[in-house]
Every structure is written in structure tokens, then in C-alpha cells.
Protein backbone atom coordinates (compact mmCIF):
# COMPACT_ATOMS: atom_id res chain seq x y z
CA MET A 1 266.14 109.98 209.44
CA ALA A 2 264.59 110.21 205.96
CA ARG A 3 261.15 111.11 205.32
CA ILE A 4 259.53 108.42 203.85
CA SER A 5 256.51 110.00 201.57
CA LEU A 6 252.91 107.33 199.90
CA ARG A 7 253.04 110.64 197.44
CA LYS A 8 254.30 108.80 194.02
CA LYS A 9 255.19 110.42 190.91
CA VAL A 10 252.90 107.75 188.43
CA TYR A 11 253.23 107.80 184.75
CA ILE A 12 250.30 106.80 183.49
CA ALA A 13 250.77 104.00 180.13
CA GLY A 14 248.43 102.41 177.74
CA PRO A 15 246.91 102.31 174.12
CA MET A 16 246.84 105.58 172.02
CA THR A 17 247.78 104.78 168.24
CA GLY A 18 244.34 103.84 166.12
CA LEU A 19 242.22 104.32 169.10
CA ILE A 20 239.03 107.21 169.31
CA ASP A 21 240.56 110.25 170.21
CA CYS A 22 244.15 108.41 171.23
CA ASN A 23 242.16 106.79 173.71
CA ARG A 24 242.74 110.12 175.82
CA PRO A 25 239.20 109.53 178.33
CA GLU A 26 240.73 106.68 179.64
CA PHE A 27 244.18 107.86 180.38
CA HIS A 28 242.48 111.01 181.97
CA ALA A 29 240.44 109.27 183.47
CA ALA A 30 243.22 107.16 185.48
CA ALA A 31 245.12 110.21 186.09
CA ASP A 32 241.89 111.75 187.74
CA CYS A 33 242.15 108.54 190.41
CA GLN A 34 245.43 108.84 190.53
CA ARG A 35 245.51 112.68 191.73
CA ALA A 36 242.21 111.77 193.88
CA LEU A 37 245.07 109.42 196.02
CA GLY A 38 247.30 112.45 196.46
CA HIS A 39 249.79 111.04 193.66
CA VAL A 40 251.87 113.77 190.88
CA VAL A 41 250.61 112.31 187.62
CA LEU A 42 252.61 112.47 184.48
CA ASN A 43 250.40 111.28 181.33
CA PRO A 44 251.20 111.46 177.92
CA ALA A 45 247.35 112.01 177.13
CA THR A 46 248.48 115.95 177.49
CA LEU A 47 250.87 115.82 174.73
CA PRO A 48 249.48 117.73 171.72
CA ASP A 49 248.46 116.20 168.69
CA ASP A 50 250.77 116.16 165.14
CA LEU A 51 254.09 114.92 166.77
CA THR A 52 255.39 111.09 165.28
CA GLU A 53 255.34 108.26 167.14
CA PRO A 54 259.34 108.68 167.93
CA GLU A 55 258.44 111.83 169.09
CA TYR A 56 256.70 111.51 171.36
CA MET A 57 258.74 108.08 172.58
CA SER A 58 261.68 110.50 173.12
CA ILE A 59 259.12 112.87 175.02
CA CYS A 60 257.77 110.11 177.11
CA MET A 61 260.42 107.79 178.41
CA PRO A 62 262.61 111.12 180.30
CA MET A 63 258.64 111.44 181.89
CA LEU A 64 258.60 107.64 182.76
CA MET A 65 262.23 108.17 184.65
CA CYS A 66 261.19 110.76 186.84
CA CYS A 67 258.36 108.44 188.04
CA ASP A 68 257.94 105.87 190.98
CA ARG A 69 255.50 104.08 189.80
CA ILE A 70 254.18 103.38 186.41
CA TYR A 71 250.15 102.81 185.74
CA LEU A 72 249.45 100.10 182.71
CA LEU A 73 245.89 100.89 181.42
CA ASP A 74 243.68 97.42 180.10
CA ASN A 75 245.11 96.57 176.82
CA TRP A 76 248.87 98.03 177.59
CA ALA A 77 250.43 95.26 175.68
CA SER A 78 248.25 95.88 172.28
CA SER A 79 250.55 99.43 172.22
CA ASP A 80 254.74 98.66 171.38
CA GLY A 81 254.87 101.93 172.77
CA ALA A 82 253.56 100.88 176.36
CA LYS A 83 255.76 98.00 176.38
CA ALA A 84 258.65 99.80 176.05
CA GLU A 85 257.63 101.92 178.66
CA TYR A 86 256.71 98.55 180.85
CA ALA A 87 260.14 97.18 180.01
CA LEU A 88 261.83 100.39 181.13
CA ALA A 89 259.67 100.38 184.18
CA LYS A 90 260.46 97.32 185.43
CA LYS A 91 264.45 97.90 184.59
CA LEU A 92 264.47 100.89 186.69
CA GLY A 93 262.80 98.60 189.29
CA LEU A 94 259.19 101.26 189.63
CA GLU A 95 257.17 99.89 190.93
CA ILE A 96 254.47 98.29 188.57
CA VAL A 97 250.97 98.81 188.88
CA PHE A 98 247.83 97.14 186.43
CA GLN A 99 244.51 99.01 185.64
CA GLU A 100 243.04 95.19 185.59
CA GLY A 101 239.44 96.28 184.98
CA ILE A 102 239.25 99.59 187.20
CA ASP A 103 236.61 101.59 186.62
CA HIS A 104 237.56 105.25 187.24
CA GLU A 105 234.25 106.31 187.34
CA VAL A 106 233.22 104.71 190.07
CA ALA A 107 236.76 104.65 191.98
CA LEU A 108 236.44 108.42 191.59
CA ILE A 109 232.94 108.67 192.99
CA GLY A 110 234.01 105.98 195.77
CA LEU A 111 237.46 108.68 196.50
CA ARG A 112 235.60 111.77 196.56
CA GLY A 113 232.43 110.57 198.46
CA ASP A 114 230.54 112.90 197.10
CA GLY A 115 228.42 110.48 194.61
CA GLU A 116 229.11 112.16 191.37
CA ALA A 117 233.01 112.12 189.35
CA HIS A 118 234.16 115.03 188.53
CA TYR A 119 236.09 115.36 184.90
């Protein structure tokens, strides 16, 4: 009998280029929230600075291909890279989840039940 796991491998996608600190705080907050839910997270915001956009995409697409789910941050459609990741996720039949205004700090407080978000 096949074992069904609720634990997912989740890829975080969203806008980075041109944003303060490449939007890393939002990526990390989303990743923390997904980890608190018990998922394995692949977060492109952990990649080093100073790569070109084609180099980032050549790393990120295989990361996405290892996942069951893509988690799209707010304003993801303003990013050519995130739109490409969305298209690939859709083509691969991955589960697609949208942030849709979720306040990750509030979500983490609720998930941990300790009244404090930990970053």
C-alpha cells in the first residue's frame, strides 16, 4: 500500500529584481510559515548575490521541478521569473498556492501558539 504524505516540497516564487534586499524578508517569512506547517521548502532567496538572472533561473527551474507545490507571493505576476516558474508549475501539474495577502508573521504566531513570530 502506498504511503500518503501530507508533507509537501514547496517552492517559493515571487518578485525579487529591483526590490529592497531582493524581497528576501517576504520570501523568508513565507518559507518559515511553510516549514512551520511541516513542509520542506526550496527558497530561491537563499541563493547568493551577484549571479545573473539567467544563472538564477537555471538554478531555480530544477529546484521547482523537485517540488509538489509552488507558493506564489503577492505581486508574483510583476516578475518575469515568477511568471515562468508559474507556467512550468502549471505544465508539471504542481499544486499552485497563492499568498493572497496572508500576513506571515500573524500566521507564524498562530502556528506556533506562543504569541511570538521567530525569524
